[in-house]
Amino acid sequence: MSDQKYAERRGGLTDVVRLVVRAVVYISLGGFALVTITTVAGTLGPMLALDLCTPPVAAWWTVFTAVVVQGVPFLLLGALVSAAISVFVPERVFTRLLPRSPALAVPVAGAAGVVLPGCECASVPVAGSLMRRGVVPAAALAFLLSAPAINPVVLVATSLAFPGQPLMVVARLVASLVTAVAMGWLWARFGRKERLRLPEAPTAGTGTSRAGSFVAGLQHDFLHAGGFLVVGSAAAATFDIAVPRSLLDVFTASAWVSVLLLALLAVVLCVCSEADAFVAASLSGFGPIAQLTFMVVGPMVDLKLFALQAGTFGRTFAIRFSSATWVVAVASSVLVGWWVL
């Protein structure tokens, strides 16, 4: 082996070692910061709010903290995957895996959502990275919607939340996948490029190594999306405190009204997709189709996800895409629920 090739391989190995070390350091620091924030905010926050303000303020702080803490680990996971895709995965990989036709690429990308064990916070930066790597937006958007809804963690959590009801798991899988594929096809047919702002790749400077590019991408995606996660979480906490539970019980008498109500609650409560099945199961006063609607709509349309989409792809896109997704998700839930449940 020539000295030049040996030096190249050694340099490549050094970059990998540096990358692993930096990733471990960032994950460790992130985990330590998360534990610290959780302890301080969850323990001292409500106590301080009670001393300075009122019990509703303390309740708001508790809900806000819970939503943020649920989303941060998966947002970090999404940022890691996004940075890895941008730096280490060649564009030719996606062109080989996905069919050239958007009509065929959409269902393939939707089914591929099963491989990412994360929530909706993770799917947005990953979808943005896929678009930067040449994946057609329709396929990337189908992946964005399906990944937090049909991955194994979510399906197992659903089976635990609804013991002895395997059809609820099947209904959630089918309805979520149908919604994701339908939205991908709708965007391929009616979507306009000018309404979708493609995310820019983070710059790490000229001559930066792959390890440096990975760290720069991780910092960019995590910090950029984290701000919108906080905004969405604050909106969810405000609704949770402002609307009394007694008012919600009034709408359980009508099956159709209860479906629409839980579809709206899924938007504003911003429950992580790994935990929303337990929330749905606790809403025992509602019928199974309404509970299914809550679980299908939540991972695809909620306030924090809207904020993340608006920050990544533009506000015009987020308004139109989220509205259409909500309608398709509700329709899919009702049809699949009527057929399966």
Protein backbone atom coordinates (compact mmCIF):
# COMPACT_ATOMS: atom_id res chain seq x y z
CA MET A 1 0.00 0.00 0.00
CA SER A 2 1.42 3.37 -0.98
CA ASP A 3 2.11 6.03 1.62
CA GLN A 4 -0.55 8.29 0.07
CA LYS A 5 -3.32 5.69 0.30
CA TYR A 6 -2.24 4.82 3.83
CA ALA A 7 -2.39 8.48 4.82
CA GLU A 8 -5.85 8.84 3.23
CA ARG A 9 -7.23 5.84 5.08
CA ARG A 10 -5.67 6.97 8.33
CA GLY A 11 -7.14 10.43 7.85
CA GLY A 12 -10.56 8.94 7.15
CA LEU A 13 -10.36 6.81 10.28
CA THR A 14 -9.33 9.84 12.30
CA ASP A 15 -12.40 11.74 11.02
CA VAL A 16 -14.67 8.86 12.04
CA VAL A 17 -13.13 8.72 15.53
CA ARG A 18 -13.54 12.47 15.93
CA LEU A 19 -17.13 12.24 14.74
CA VAL A 20 -17.97 9.51 17.23
CA VAL A 21 -16.30 11.39 20.08
CA ARG A 22 -18.11 14.64 19.24
CA ALA A 23 -21.45 12.86 18.86
CA VAL A 24 -21.00 11.17 22.24
CA VAL A 25 -20.06 14.50 23.85
CA TYR A 26 -23.09 16.30 22.38
CA ILE A 27 -25.47 13.50 23.32
CA SER A 28 -24.03 13.35 26.85
CA LEU A 29 -24.26 17.11 27.28
CA GLY A 30 -27.77 17.09 25.83
CA GLY A 31 -28.85 14.31 28.16
CA PHE A 32 -27.34 16.06 31.18
CA ALA A 33 -29.00 19.33 30.21
CA LEU A 34 -32.32 17.56 29.68
CA VAL A 35 -32.20 15.91 33.10
CA THR A 36 -31.23 19.20 34.74
CA ILE A 37 -33.96 21.17 33.00
CA THR A 38 -36.54 18.49 33.78
CA THR A 39 -35.63 18.43 37.46
CA VAL A 40 -35.50 22.18 37.91
CA ALA A 41 -38.51 23.03 35.76
CA GLY A 42 -40.67 20.15 36.95
CA THR A 43 -39.92 20.58 40.65
CA LEU A 44 -39.13 24.23 41.25
CA GLY A 45 -41.25 25.69 38.45
CA PRO A 46 -44.70 24.88 39.87
CA MET A 47 -43.55 25.78 43.42
CA LEU A 48 -42.24 29.16 42.25
CA ALA A 49 -45.40 29.77 40.22
CA LEU A 50 -47.54 29.01 43.27
CA ASP A 51 -45.54 31.46 45.36
CA LEU A 52 -45.51 34.25 42.80
CA CYS A 53 -48.75 33.77 40.93
CA THR A 54 -51.67 31.35 41.09
CA PRO A 55 -52.33 27.61 40.80
CA PRO A 56 -53.36 27.95 37.10
CA VAL A 57 -49.95 29.41 36.33
CA ALA A 58 -48.30 26.49 38.10
CA ALA A 59 -50.47 24.08 36.09
CA TRP A 60 -49.53 25.88 32.86
CA TRP A 61 -45.85 25.55 33.69
CA THR A 62 -46.26 21.83 34.42
CA VAL A 63 -48.01 21.13 31.10
CA PHE A 64 -45.54 23.28 29.17
CA THR A 65 -42.57 21.48 30.71
CA ALA A 66 -44.10 18.06 30.05
CA VAL A 67 -44.65 18.76 26.35
CA VAL A 68 -41.15 20.18 25.87
CA VAL A 69 -39.47 17.32 27.72
CA GLN A 70 -41.42 14.77 25.67
CA GLY A 71 -40.31 16.33 22.42
CA VAL A 72 -36.65 17.21 23.07
CA PRO A 73 -35.18 13.65 23.05
CA PHE A 74 -36.87 12.82 19.76
CA LEU A 75 -35.99 16.19 18.31
CA LEU A 76 -32.36 15.39 19.12
CA LEU A 77 -32.78 11.99 17.46
CA GLY A 78 -34.20 13.66 14.36
CA ALA A 79 -31.35 16.15 14.26
CA LEU A 80 -28.80 13.32 14.51
CA VAL A 81 -30.46 11.38 11.68
CA SER A 82 -30.83 14.52 9.59
CA ALA A 83 -27.16 15.46 9.98
CA ALA A 84 -26.07 11.91 9.21
CA ILE A 85 -28.18 11.81 6.05
CA SER A 86 -26.85 15.17 4.86
CA VAL A 87 -23.20 14.30 5.37
CA PHE A 88 -22.76 10.55 4.95
CA VAL A 89 -25.49 9.30 2.63
CA PRO A 90 -24.76 9.87 -1.09
CA GLU A 91 -27.57 11.20 -3.22
CA ARG A 92 -27.41 8.13 -5.47
CA VAL A 93 -28.64 5.98 -2.57
CA PHE A 94 -32.05 7.68 -2.63
CA THR A 95 -32.29 7.57 -6.41
CA ARG A 96 -31.72 3.81 -6.29
CA LEU A 97 -34.04 3.04 -3.38
CA LEU A 98 -36.99 5.18 -4.47
CA PRO A 99 -38.81 4.74 -7.78
CA ARG A 100 -38.38 7.59 -10.23
CA SER A 101 -42.11 8.13 -10.52
CA PRO A 102 -43.47 10.27 -7.64
CA ALA A 103 -46.68 8.20 -7.73
CA LEU A 104 -44.66 5.08 -6.84
CA ALA A 105 -42.10 6.82 -4.62
CA VAL A 106 -44.79 8.14 -2.26
CA PRO A 107 -46.08 4.76 -0.96
CA VAL A 108 -42.52 3.42 -0.69
CA ALA A 109 -41.48 6.44 1.38
CA GLY A 110 -44.64 6.20 3.46
CA ALA A 111 -43.98 2.56 4.28
CA ALA A 112 -40.35 3.44 5.11
CA GLY A 113 -41.61 5.55 7.99
CA VAL A 114 -41.68 2.39 10.07
CA VAL A 115 -37.88 2.49 10.44
CA LEU A 116 -37.64 5.75 12.45
CA PRO A 117 -38.60 5.20 16.12
CA GLY A 118 -39.35 8.81 16.92
CA CYS A 119 -42.15 11.31 17.21
CA GLU A 120 -43.23 14.15 14.96
CA CYS A 121 -40.49 16.41 16.33
CA ALA A 122 -37.90 14.12 14.74
CA SER A 123 -39.61 13.72 11.37
CA VAL A 124 -39.46 17.39 10.29
CA PRO A 125 -35.65 17.80 10.21
CA VAL A 126 -35.28 14.35 8.63
CA ALA A 127 -37.78 15.22 5.88
CA GLY A 128 -35.95 18.48 5.25
CA SER A 129 -32.67 16.60 4.95
CA LEU A 130 -34.22 14.14 2.50
CA MET A 131 -35.36 17.03 0.29
CA ARG A 132 -31.86 18.50 0.37
CA ARG A 133 -30.51 15.15 -0.79
CA GLY A 134 -32.70 15.07 -3.87
CA VAL A 135 -35.79 13.17 -2.69
CA VAL A 136 -38.94 14.50 -4.33
CA PRO A 137 -40.98 16.59 -1.84
CA ALA A 138 -44.07 14.38 -2.21
CA ALA A 139 -42.14 11.31 -0.99
CA ALA A 140 -40.38 13.23 1.79
CA LEU A 141 -43.71 14.60 3.03
CA ALA A 142 -45.26 11.12 3.03
CA PHE A 143 -42.32 9.97 5.17
CA LEU A 144 -42.75 13.01 7.44
CA LEU A 145 -46.35 12.03 8.19
CA SER A 146 -45.92 8.27 8.46
CA ALA A 147 -42.72 8.04 10.51
CA PRO A 148 -44.17 9.23 13.84
CA ALA A 149 -47.41 7.29 13.35
CA ILE A 150 -46.51 3.76 12.23
CA ASN A 151 -43.13 3.03 13.80
CA PRO A 152 -42.82 -0.03 16.09
CA VAL A 153 -42.59 2.00 19.31
CA VAL A 154 -45.92 3.70 18.62
CA LEU A 155 -47.65 0.46 17.64
CA VAL A 156 -46.40 -1.37 20.73
CA ALA A 157 -47.51 1.54 22.93
CA THR A 158 -50.95 1.40 21.30
CA SER A 159 -51.26 -2.32 22.02
CA LEU A 160 -50.37 -1.70 25.67
CA ALA A 161 -52.82 1.18 25.97
CA PHE A 162 -55.63 -0.92 24.45
CA PRO A 163 -55.04 -4.43 25.82
CA GLY A 164 -57.10 -7.14 24.16
CA GLN A 165 -57.94 -4.83 21.24
CA PRO A 166 -55.52 -5.73 18.43
CA LEU A 167 -57.87 -4.22 15.86
CA MET A 168 -57.18 -0.78 17.32
CA VAL A 169 -53.48 -1.24 16.46
CA VAL A 170 -54.38 -2.41 12.95
CA ALA A 171 -56.78 0.50 12.48
CA ARG A 172 -54.16 3.03 13.58
CA LEU A 173 -51.54 1.55 11.24
CA VAL A 174 -53.86 1.48 8.23
CA ALA A 175 -55.46 4.89 8.78
CA SER A 176 -52.11 6.60 9.37
CA LEU A 177 -50.47 5.02 6.33
CA VAL A 178 -53.46 5.85 4.13
CA THR A 179 -53.32 9.48 5.27
CA ALA A 180 -49.58 9.78 4.64
CA VAL A 181 -49.76 8.25 1.16
CA ALA A 182 -52.84 10.25 0.23
CA MET A 183 -51.18 13.52 1.24
CA GLY A 184 -48.05 12.60 -0.70
CA TRP A 185 -50.10 11.93 -3.82
CA LEU A 186 -52.10 15.14 -3.33
CA TRP A 187 -48.90 17.17 -3.10
CA ALA A 188 -47.47 15.43 -6.17
CA ARG A 189 -50.63 16.31 -8.10
CA PHE A 190 -51.58 19.75 -6.81
CA GLY A 191 -48.55 21.03 -4.88
CA ARG A 192 -46.69 24.08 -6.15
CA LYS A 193 -42.96 24.46 -5.74
CA GLU A 194 -43.22 28.15 -4.87
CA ARG A 195 -45.31 27.29 -1.80
CA LEU A 196 -42.63 25.02 -0.38
CA ARG A 197 -39.46 26.66 0.90
CA LEU A 198 -36.76 24.03 0.69
CA PRO A 199 -34.55 24.12 3.80
CA GLU A 200 -31.03 25.32 3.21
CA ALA A 201 -28.13 23.08 4.09
CA PRO A 202 -26.19 24.33 7.12
CA THR A 203 -22.76 25.68 6.22
CA ALA A 204 -19.72 24.53 8.17
CA GLY A 205 -17.10 26.60 6.37
CA THR A 206 -14.75 25.91 3.49
CA GLY A 207 -12.51 22.88 3.89
CA THR A 208 -14.42 21.52 6.88
CA SER A 209 -14.19 17.77 7.45
CA ARG A 210 -17.18 15.46 7.48
CA ALA A 211 -17.08 15.43 11.26
CA GLY A 212 -17.28 19.22 11.31
CA SER A 213 -20.13 19.23 8.80
CA PHE A 214 -22.00 16.66 10.90
CA VAL A 215 -21.65 18.74 14.06
CA ALA A 216 -22.68 21.92 12.22
CA GLY A 217 -25.77 20.20 10.80
CA LEU A 218 -26.67 18.78 14.22
CA GLN A 219 -26.40 22.19 15.88
CA HIS A 220 -28.38 23.93 13.14
CA ASP A 221 -31.30 21.48 13.01
CA PHE A 222 -31.60 21.02 16.77
CA LEU A 223 -31.44 24.70 17.73
CA HIS A 224 -33.58 25.86 14.79
CA ALA A 225 -36.39 23.36 15.42
CA GLY A 226 -36.11 23.60 19.20
CA GLY A 227 -37.29 27.20 19.21
CA PHE A 228 -40.47 26.30 17.36
CA LEU A 229 -41.01 23.33 19.69
CA VAL A 230 -41.07 25.76 22.62
CA VAL A 231 -43.60 28.03 20.86
CA GLY A 232 -45.93 25.13 20.07
CA SER A 233 -45.63 23.76 23.59
CA ALA A 234 -46.60 27.12 25.09
CA ALA A 235 -49.71 27.26 22.88
CA ALA A 236 -50.69 23.72 23.90
CA ALA A 237 -50.28 24.51 27.60
CA THR A 238 -52.39 27.64 27.27
CA PHE A 239 -55.28 25.71 25.71
CA ASP A 240 -55.02 22.92 28.25
CA ILE A 241 -55.44 25.39 31.10
CA ALA A 242 -57.91 27.79 29.49
CA VAL A 243 -60.55 25.23 28.44
CA PRO A 244 -62.34 23.53 31.38
CA ARG A 245 -62.77 19.76 31.24
CA SER A 246 -66.48 20.07 32.05
CA LEU A 247 -66.98 21.85 28.74
CA LEU A 248 -65.46 18.92 26.84
CA ASP A 249 -67.83 16.42 28.46
CA VAL A 250 -70.80 18.16 26.89
CA PHE A 251 -69.77 17.00 23.41
CA THR A 252 -69.51 13.27 24.10
CA ALA A 253 -73.21 12.65 23.44
CA SER A 254 -72.90 12.82 19.64
CA ALA A 255 -70.56 10.38 17.86
CA TRP A 256 -69.81 12.80 15.03
CA VAL A 257 -69.25 15.74 17.34
CA SER A 258 -66.98 13.64 19.56
CA VAL A 259 -64.85 12.66 16.53
CA LEU A 260 -64.40 16.30 15.53
CA LEU A 261 -63.73 17.34 19.11
CA LEU A 262 -60.95 14.79 19.63
CA ALA A 263 -59.53 15.68 16.23
CA LEU A 264 -59.25 19.29 17.41
CA LEU A 265 -57.92 18.26 20.82
CA ALA A 266 -55.17 16.26 19.14
CA VAL A 267 -54.05 19.45 17.42
CA VAL A 268 -53.85 21.59 20.53
CA LEU A 269 -52.74 19.09 23.19
CA CYS A 270 -49.50 18.21 21.34
CA VAL A 271 -49.08 14.81 22.97
CA CYS A 272 -46.03 12.87 21.78
CA SER A 273 -46.94 9.99 19.44
CA GLU A 274 -45.30 7.49 21.81
CA ALA A 275 -47.70 8.55 24.59
CA ASP A 276 -50.89 9.63 22.81
CA ALA A 277 -52.40 6.12 22.87
CA PHE A 278 -52.53 6.21 26.68
CA VAL A 279 -54.20 9.61 26.56
CA ALA A 280 -56.73 8.30 24.02
CA ALA A 281 -57.43 5.24 26.15
CA SER A 282 -58.06 7.49 29.17
CA LEU A 283 -60.82 9.26 27.22
CA SER A 284 -63.18 6.39 27.92
CA GLY A 285 -66.27 8.55 27.48
CA PHE A 286 -65.60 8.75 23.75
CA GLY A 287 -66.20 6.01 21.21
CA PRO A 288 -63.43 3.92 19.57
CA ILE A 289 -63.58 5.84 16.28
CA ALA A 290 -63.11 9.13 18.11
CA GLN A 291 -60.17 7.65 20.03
CA LEU A 292 -58.68 6.39 16.76
CA THR A 293 -59.06 9.84 15.22
CA PHE A 294 -57.17 11.37 18.14
CA MET A 295 -54.26 8.96 17.59
CA VAL A 296 -54.14 9.45 13.81
CA VAL A 297 -54.43 13.24 13.75
CA GLY A 298 -52.03 13.99 16.63
CA PRO A 299 -48.75 12.76 15.10
CA MET A 300 -49.54 14.55 11.83
CA VAL A 301 -51.15 17.85 12.83
CA ASP A 302 -50.54 19.63 16.12
CA LEU A 303 -49.39 23.07 17.21
CA LYS A 304 -45.75 22.23 17.80
CA LEU A 305 -45.55 20.31 14.52
CA PHE A 306 -47.14 23.26 12.71
CA ALA A 307 -44.55 25.58 14.24
CA LEU A 308 -41.75 23.23 13.18
CA GLN A 309 -43.09 22.98 9.63
CA ALA A 310 -43.54 26.75 9.38
CA GLY A 311 -39.97 27.33 10.51
CA THR A 312 -38.56 24.71 8.15
CA PHE A 313 -40.70 24.91 5.01
CA GLY A 314 -42.45 28.28 5.34
CA ARG A 315 -45.67 29.50 6.92
CA THR A 316 -47.71 29.40 3.70
CA PHE A 317 -46.87 25.76 3.18
CA ALA A 318 -47.55 24.85 6.81
CA ILE A 319 -51.02 26.43 6.78
CA ARG A 320 -52.15 24.71 3.58
CA PHE A 321 -50.49 21.37 4.22
CA SER A 322 -51.62 21.07 7.85
CA SER A 323 -55.21 21.99 6.99
CA ALA A 324 -55.41 19.42 4.19
CA THR A 325 -53.72 16.78 6.35
CA TRP A 326 -56.24 17.33 9.15
CA VAL A 327 -59.18 16.78 6.78
CA VAL A 328 -57.65 13.67 5.20
CA ALA A 329 -56.66 12.24 8.60
CA VAL A 330 -60.17 12.66 10.00
CA ALA A 331 -61.75 11.11 6.90
CA SER A 332 -59.31 8.18 6.93
CA SER A 333 -59.89 7.57 10.64
CA VAL A 334 -63.66 7.51 10.24
CA LEU A 335 -63.61 5.21 7.21
CA VAL A 336 -61.00 2.81 8.57
CA GLY A 337 -62.58 2.86 12.03
CA TRP A 338 -66.01 2.06 10.58
CA TRP A 339 -64.51 -0.78 8.53
CA VAL A 340 -62.14 -2.31 11.13
CA LEU A 341 -63.64 -1.41 14.50
